[in-house]
Amino acid sequence: MFIIDRFEGDWAVIEYNGKTFNIPQEILPSTAKEGDVINLSLTMDKEATEARKKKAKSLFEDMFE
C-alpha cells in the first residue's frame, strides 16, 4: 500500500512498508492529497530502452572515429 504522507515543494513523500521516498507531485492526480492511498503500476518500455542504447552506441562510435 502506497500512502501520500505529505507534500514538500514539488515532491510527494510516499510511505510504503514503513519507509518513505519522494516522487514528483506532477505525476500524481491533481486531486491527490495527504493520506490518500495510491496504486502504482510500472512497465518496461523496451522500444525507448533500445533507442537509448542505439543513441549511446552512436555517441561512443562518434568519439572514436
PDB file of N, CA and C in Angstrom:
ATOM      1  N   MET A   1       0.836  -1.172   0.000  1.00  0.00           N
ATOM      2  CA  MET A   1       0.000   0.000   0.000  1.00  0.00           C
ATOM      3  C   MET A   1       0.888   1.244   0.000  1.00  0.00           C
ATOM      4  N   PHE A   2       0.657   2.144  -0.920  1.00  0.00           N
ATOM      5  CA  PHE A   2       1.399   3.398  -1.027  1.00  0.00           C
ATOM      6  C   PHE A   2       0.509   4.526  -0.511  1.00  0.00           C
ATOM      7  N   ILE A   3       1.003   5.276   0.455  1.00  0.00           N
ATOM      8  CA  ILE A   3       0.216   6.338   1.072  1.00  0.00           C
ATOM      9  C   ILE A   3       0.951   7.658   0.915  1.00  0.00           C
ATOM     10  N   ILE A   4       0.201   8.694   0.507  1.00  0.00           N
ATOM     11  CA  ILE A   4       0.796  10.025   0.432  1.00  0.00           C
ATOM     12  C   ILE A   4       0.916  10.547   1.858  1.00  0.00           C
ATOM     13  N   ASP A   5       2.150  10.658   2.331  1.00  0.00           N
ATOM     14  CA  ASP A   5       2.403  11.127   3.696  1.00  0.00           C
ATOM     15  C   ASP A   5       2.277  12.646   3.778  1.00  0.00           C
ATOM     16  N   ARG A   6       2.914  13.332   2.799  1.00  0.00           N
ATOM     17  CA  ARG A   6       2.889  14.804   2.806  1.00  0.00           C
ATOM     18  C   ARG A   6       3.461  15.301   1.487  1.00  0.00           C
ATOM     19  N   PHE A   7       3.360  16.599   1.310  1.00  0.00           N
ATOM     20  CA  PHE A   7       3.956  17.252   0.150  1.00  0.00           C
ATOM     21  C   PHE A   7       5.048  18.189   0.633  1.00  0.00           C
ATOM     22  N   GLU A   8       6.165  18.181  -0.072  1.00  0.00           N
ATOM     23  CA  GLU A   8       7.285  19.075   0.221  1.00  0.00           C
ATOM     24  C   GLU A   8       7.696  19.731  -1.081  1.00  0.00           C
ATOM     25  N   GLY A   9       7.271  20.978  -1.263  1.00  0.00           N
ATOM     26  CA  GLY A   9       7.551  21.662  -2.523  1.00  0.00           C
ATOM     27  C   GLY A   9       6.886  20.937  -3.666  1.00  0.00           C
ATOM     28  N   ASP A  10       7.675  20.585  -4.661  1.00  0.00           N
ATOM     29  CA  ASP A  10       7.152  19.885  -5.836  1.00  0.00           C
ATOM     30  C   ASP A  10       7.165  18.372  -5.675  1.00  0.00           C
ATOM     31  N   TRP A  11       7.436  17.890  -4.478  1.00  0.00           N
ATOM     32  CA  TRP A  11       7.570  16.453  -4.229  1.00  0.00           C
ATOM     33  C   TRP A  11       6.467  15.936  -3.319  1.00  0.00           C
ATOM     34  N   ALA A  12       6.049  14.712  -3.596  1.00  0.00           N
ATOM     35  CA  ALA A  12       5.140  13.998  -2.704  1.00  0.00           C
ATOM     36  C   ALA A  12       5.973  12.967  -1.950  1.00  0.00           C
ATOM     37  N   VAL A  13       5.833  12.953  -0.645  1.00  0.00           N
ATOM     38  CA  VAL A  13       6.527  11.962   0.177  1.00  0.00           C
ATOM     39  C   VAL A  13       5.573  10.785   0.333  1.00  0.00           C
ATOM     40  N   ILE A  14       5.996   9.639  -0.151  1.00  0.00           N
ATOM     41  CA  ILE A  14       5.170   8.433  -0.179  1.00  0.00           C
ATOM     42  C   ILE A  14       5.680   7.449   0.857  1.00  0.00           C
ATOM     43  N   GLU A  15       4.758   6.884   1.611  1.00  0.00           N
ATOM     44  CA  GLU A  15       5.122   5.854   2.580  1.00  0.00           C
ATOM     45  C   GLU A  15       4.757   4.487   2.015  1.00  0.00           C
ATOM     46  N   TYR A  16       5.701   3.566   2.141  1.00  0.00           N
ATOM     47  CA  TYR A  16       5.487   2.195   1.688  1.00  0.00           C
ATOM     48  C   TYR A  16       6.214   1.263   2.643  1.00  0.00           C
ATOM     49  N   ASN A  17       5.488   0.395   3.286  1.00  0.00           N
ATOM     50  CA  ASN A  17       6.061  -0.573   4.232  1.00  0.00           C
ATOM     51  C   ASN A  17       6.959   0.082   5.277  1.00  0.00           C
ATOM     52  N   GLY A  18       6.516   1.203   5.813  1.00  0.00           N
ATOM     53  CA  GLY A  18       7.247   1.867   6.877  1.00  0.00           C
ATOM     54  C   GLY A  18       8.432   2.708   6.425  1.00  0.00           C
ATOM     55  N   LYS A  19       8.653   2.781   5.133  1.00  0.00           N
ATOM     56  CA  LYS A  19       9.741   3.591   4.589  1.00  0.00           C
ATOM     57  C   LYS A  19       9.134   4.686   3.720  1.00  0.00           C
ATOM     58  N   THR A  20       9.882   5.774   3.537  1.00  0.00           N
ATOM     59  CA  THR A  20       9.371   6.850   2.699  1.00  0.00           C
ATOM     60  C   THR A  20      10.311   7.118   1.535  1.00  0.00           C
ATOM     61  N   PHE A  21       9.735   7.603   0.453  1.00  0.00           N
ATOM     62  CA  PHE A  21      10.507   8.024  -0.704  1.00  0.00           C
ATOM     63  C   PHE A  21       9.744   9.146  -1.391  1.00  0.00           C
ATOM     64  N   ASN A  22      10.428   9.889  -2.225  1.00  0.00           N
ATOM     65  CA  ASN A  22       9.823  11.028  -2.907  1.00  0.00           C
ATOM     66  C   ASN A  22       9.530  10.708  -4.359  1.00  0.00           C
ATOM     67  N   ILE A  23       8.407  11.239  -4.839  1.00  0.00           N
ATOM     68  CA  ILE A  23       8.098  11.195  -6.263  1.00  0.00           C
ATOM     69  C   ILE A  23       7.640  12.593  -6.666  1.00  0.00           C
ATOM     70  N   PRO A  24       7.820  12.965  -7.931  1.00  0.00           N
ATOM     71  CA  PRO A  24       7.361  14.280  -8.365  1.00  0.00           C
ATOM     72  C   PRO A  24       5.848  14.402  -8.198  1.00  0.00           C
ATOM     73  N   GLN A  25       5.422  15.489  -7.600  1.00  0.00           N
ATOM     74  CA  GLN A  25       3.992  15.700  -7.377  1.00  0.00           C
ATOM     75  C   GLN A  25       3.219  15.742  -8.695  1.00  0.00           C
ATOM     76  N   GLU A  26       3.884  16.204  -9.755  1.00  0.00           N
ATOM     77  CA  GLU A  26       3.212  16.367 -11.041  1.00  0.00           C
ATOM     78  C   GLU A  26       2.739  15.062 -11.662  1.00  0.00           C
ATOM     79  N   ILE A  27       3.266  13.912 -11.209  1.00  0.00           N
ATOM     80  CA  ILE A  27       2.797  12.647 -11.791  1.00  0.00           C
ATOM     81  C   ILE A  27       1.583  12.095 -11.060  1.00  0.00           C
ATOM     82  N   LEU A  28       1.202  12.728  -9.968  1.00  0.00           N
ATOM     83  CA  LEU A  28       0.008  12.310  -9.230  1.00  0.00           C
ATOM     84  C   LEU A  28      -1.227  13.018  -9.793  1.00  0.00           C
ATOM     85  N   PRO A  29      -2.398  12.445  -9.585  1.00  0.00           N
ATOM     86  CA  PRO A  29      -3.620  13.161  -9.981  1.00  0.00           C
ATOM     87  C   PRO A  29      -3.684  14.513  -9.262  1.00  0.00           C
ATOM     88  N   SER A  30      -4.243  15.501  -9.907  1.00  0.00           N
ATOM     89  CA  SER A  30      -4.290  16.848  -9.332  1.00  0.00           C
ATOM     90  C   SER A  30      -5.103  16.903  -8.040  1.00  0.00           C
ATOM     91  N   THR A  31      -5.961  15.922  -7.837  1.00  0.00           N
ATOM     92  CA  THR A  31      -6.800  15.906  -6.631  1.00  0.00           C
ATOM     93  C   THR A  31      -6.162  15.150  -5.471  1.00  0.00           C
ATOM     94  N   ALA A  32      -4.960  14.603  -5.671  1.00  0.00           N
ATOM     95  CA  ALA A  32      -4.294  13.813  -4.627  1.00  0.00           C
ATOM     96  C   ALA A  32      -4.008  14.691  -3.414  1.00  0.00           C
ATOM     97  N   LYS A  33      -4.208  14.081  -2.233  1.00  0.00           N
ATOM     98  CA  LYS A  33      -3.959  14.821  -1.004  1.00  0.00           C
ATOM     99  C   LYS A  33      -3.330  13.904   0.037  1.00  0.00           C
ATOM    100  N   GLU A  34      -2.824  14.513   1.105  1.00  0.00           N
ATOM    101  CA  GLU A  34      -2.198  13.744   2.185  1.00  0.00           C
ATOM    102  C   GLU A  34      -3.177  12.701   2.714  1.00  0.00           C
ATOM    103  N   GLY A  35      -2.658  11.500   2.933  1.00  0.00           N
ATOM    104  CA  GLY A  35      -3.474  10.407   3.446  1.00  0.00           C
ATOM    105  C   GLY A  35      -4.082   9.531   2.371  1.00  0.00           C
ATOM    106  N   ASP A  36      -4.080  10.001   1.128  1.00  0.00           N
ATOM    107  CA  ASP A  36      -4.639   9.194   0.044  1.00  0.00           C
ATOM    108  C   ASP A  36      -3.781   7.960  -0.194  1.00  0.00           C
ATOM    109  N   VAL A  37      -4.443   6.859  -0.490  1.00  0.00           N
ATOM    110  CA  VAL A  37      -3.763   5.627  -0.892  1.00  0.00           C
ATOM    111  C   VAL A  37      -3.707   5.639  -2.411  1.00  0.00           C
ATOM    112  N   ILE A  38      -2.527   5.368  -2.944  1.00  0.00           N
ATOM    113  CA  ILE A  38      -2.381   5.365  -4.399  1.00  0.00           C
ATOM    114  C   ILE A  38      -1.899   4.006  -4.879  1.00  0.00           C
ATOM    115  N   ASN A  39      -2.238   3.697  -6.110  1.00  0.00           N
ATOM    116  CA  ASN A  39      -1.768   2.484  -6.771  1.00  0.00           C
ATOM    117  C   ASN A  39      -0.721   2.888  -7.790  1.00  0.00           C
ATOM    118  N   LEU A  40       0.393   2.192  -7.796  1.00  0.00           N
ATOM    119  CA  LEU A  40       1.447   2.438  -8.768  1.00  0.00           C
ATOM    120  C   LEU A  40       1.570   1.227  -9.672  1.00  0.00           C
ATOM    121  N   SER A  41       1.749   1.498 -10.945  1.00  0.00           N
ATOM    122  CA  SER A  41       1.953   0.440 -11.912  1.00  0.00           C
ATOM    123  C   SER A  41       3.150   0.818 -12.773  1.00  0.00           C
ATOM    124  N   LEU A  42       4.155  -0.030 -12.790  1.00  0.00           N
ATOM    125  CA  LEU A  42       5.358   0.230 -13.558  1.00  0.00           C
ATOM    126  C   LEU A  42       5.460  -0.778 -14.690  1.00  0.00           C
ATOM    127  N   THR A  43       5.839  -0.294 -15.862  1.00  0.00           N
ATOM    128  CA  THR A  43       6.048  -1.168 -17.002  1.00  0.00           C
ATOM    129  C   THR A  43       7.370  -0.816 -17.657  1.00  0.00           C
ATOM    130  N   MET A  44       7.930  -1.754 -18.368  1.00  0.00           N
ATOM    131  CA  MET A  44       9.172  -1.542 -19.092  1.00  0.00           C
ATOM    132  C   MET A  44       8.824  -1.030 -20.485  1.00  0.00           C
ATOM    133  N   ASP A  45       9.570  -0.027 -20.961  1.00  0.00           N
ATOM    134  CA  ASP A  45       9.396   0.494 -22.314  1.00  0.00           C
ATOM    135  C   ASP A  45      10.590   0.007 -23.137  1.00  0.00           C
ATOM    136  N   LYS A  46      10.428  -1.160 -23.746  1.00  0.00           N
ATOM    137  CA  LYS A  46      11.532  -1.788 -24.466  1.00  0.00           C
ATOM    138  C   LYS A  46      11.965  -0.975 -25.681  1.00  0.00           C
ATOM    139  N   GLU A  47      11.025  -0.319 -26.362  1.00  0.00           N
ATOM    140  CA  GLU A  47      11.385   0.487 -27.526  1.00  0.00           C
ATOM    141  C   GLU A  47      12.234   1.682 -27.118  1.00  0.00           C
ATOM    142  N   ALA A  48      11.850   2.362 -26.033  1.00  0.00           N
ATOM    143  CA  ALA A  48      12.627   3.508 -25.562  1.00  0.00           C
ATOM    144  C   ALA A  48      13.997   3.057 -25.074  1.00  0.00           C
ATOM    145  N   THR A  49      14.068   1.907 -24.424  1.00  0.00           N
ATOM    146  CA  THR A  49      15.344   1.374 -23.960  1.00  0.00           C
ATOM    147  C   THR A  49      16.261   1.101 -25.140  1.00  0.00           C
ATOM    148  N   GLU A  50      15.730   0.475 -26.168  1.00  0.00           N
ATOM    149  CA  GLU A  50      16.534   0.169 -27.354  1.00  0.00           C
ATOM    150  C   GLU A  50      17.001   1.446 -28.037  1.00  0.00           C
ATOM    151  N   ALA A  51      16.137   2.443 -28.125  1.00  0.00           N
ATOM    152  CA  ALA A  51      16.508   3.718 -28.746  1.00  0.00           C
ATOM    153  C   ALA A  51      17.643   4.381 -27.973  1.00  0.00           C
ATOM    154  N   ARG A  52      17.591   4.330 -26.637  1.00  0.00           N
ATOM    155  CA  ARG A  52      18.654   4.913 -25.817  1.00  0.00           C
ATOM    156  C   ARG A  52      19.970   4.160 -26.014  1.00  0.00           C
ATOM    157  N   LYS A  53      19.899   2.840 -26.126  1.00  0.00           N
ATOM    158  CA  LYS A  53      21.105   2.047 -26.359  1.00  0.00           C
ATOM    159  C   LYS A  53      21.737   2.409 -27.696  1.00  0.00           C
ATOM    160  N   LYS A  54      20.905   2.546 -28.737  1.00  0.00           N
ATOM    161  CA  LYS A  54      21.414   2.889 -30.059  1.00  0.00           C
ATOM    162  C   LYS A  54      22.056   4.276 -30.043  1.00  0.00           C
ATOM    163  N   LYS A  55      21.439   5.222 -29.354  1.00  0.00           N
ATOM    164  CA  LYS A  55      21.991   6.570 -29.283  1.00  0.00           C
ATOM    165  C   LYS A  55      23.334   6.564 -28.554  1.00  0.00           C
ATOM    166  N   ALA A  56      23.408   5.832 -27.435  1.00  0.00           N
ATOM    167  CA  ALA A  56      24.662   5.748 -26.680  1.00  0.00           C
ATOM    168  C   ALA A  56      25.755   5.109 -27.530  1.00  0.00           C
ATOM    169  N   LYS A  57      25.415   4.056 -28.248  1.00  0.00           N
ATOM    170  CA  LYS A  57      26.398   3.385 -29.109  1.00  0.00           C
ATOM    171  C   LYS A  57      26.878   4.332 -30.198  1.00  0.00           C
ATOM    172  N   SER A  58      25.963   5.088 -30.784  1.00  0.00           N
ATOM    173  CA  SER A  58      26.328   6.042 -31.822  1.00  0.00           C
ATOM    174  C   SER A  58      27.244   7.129 -31.283  1.00  0.00           C
ATOM    175  N   LEU A  59      26.948   7.656 -30.125  1.00  0.00           N
ATOM    176  CA  LEU A  59      27.800   8.672 -29.497  1.00  0.00           C
ATOM    177  C   LEU A  59      29.194   8.121 -29.207  1.00  0.00           C
ATOM    178  N   PHE A  60      29.234   6.892 -28.726  1.00  0.00           N
ATOM    179  CA  PHE A  60      30.504   6.236 -28.424  1.00  0.00           C
ATOM    180  C   PHE A  60      31.343   6.072 -29.689  1.00  0.00           C
ATOM    181  N   GLU A  61      30.688   5.600 -30.736  1.00  0.00           N
ATOM    182  CA  GLU A  61      31.386   5.406 -32.016  1.00  0.00           C
ATOM    183  C   GLU A  61      31.878   6.734 -32.576  1.00  0.00           C
ATOM    184  N   ASP A  62      31.086   7.802 -32.449  1.00  0.00           N
ATOM    185  CA  ASP A  62      31.481   9.126 -32.937  1.00  0.00           C
ATOM    186  C   ASP A  62      32.712   9.640 -32.200  1.00  0.00           C
ATOM    187  N   MET A  63      32.867   9.299 -30.945  1.00  0.00           N
ATOM    188  CA  MET A  63      34.001   9.763 -30.159  1.00  0.00           C
ATOM    189  C   MET A  63      35.310   9.135 -30.636  1.00  0.00           C
ATOM    190  N   PHE A  64      35.245   7.942 -31.171  1.00  0.00           N
ATOM    191  CA  PHE A  64      36.463   7.212 -31.518  1.00  0.00           C
ATOM    192  C   PHE A  64      36.674   7.050 -33.015  1.00  0.00           C
ATOM    193  N   GLU A  65      35.987   7.853 -33.805  1.00  0.00           N
ATOM    194  CA  GLU A  65      36.191   7.800 -35.260  1.00  0.00           C
ATOM    195  C   GLU A  65      37.082   8.911 -35.709  1.00  0.00           C
TER     196      GLU A  65
END
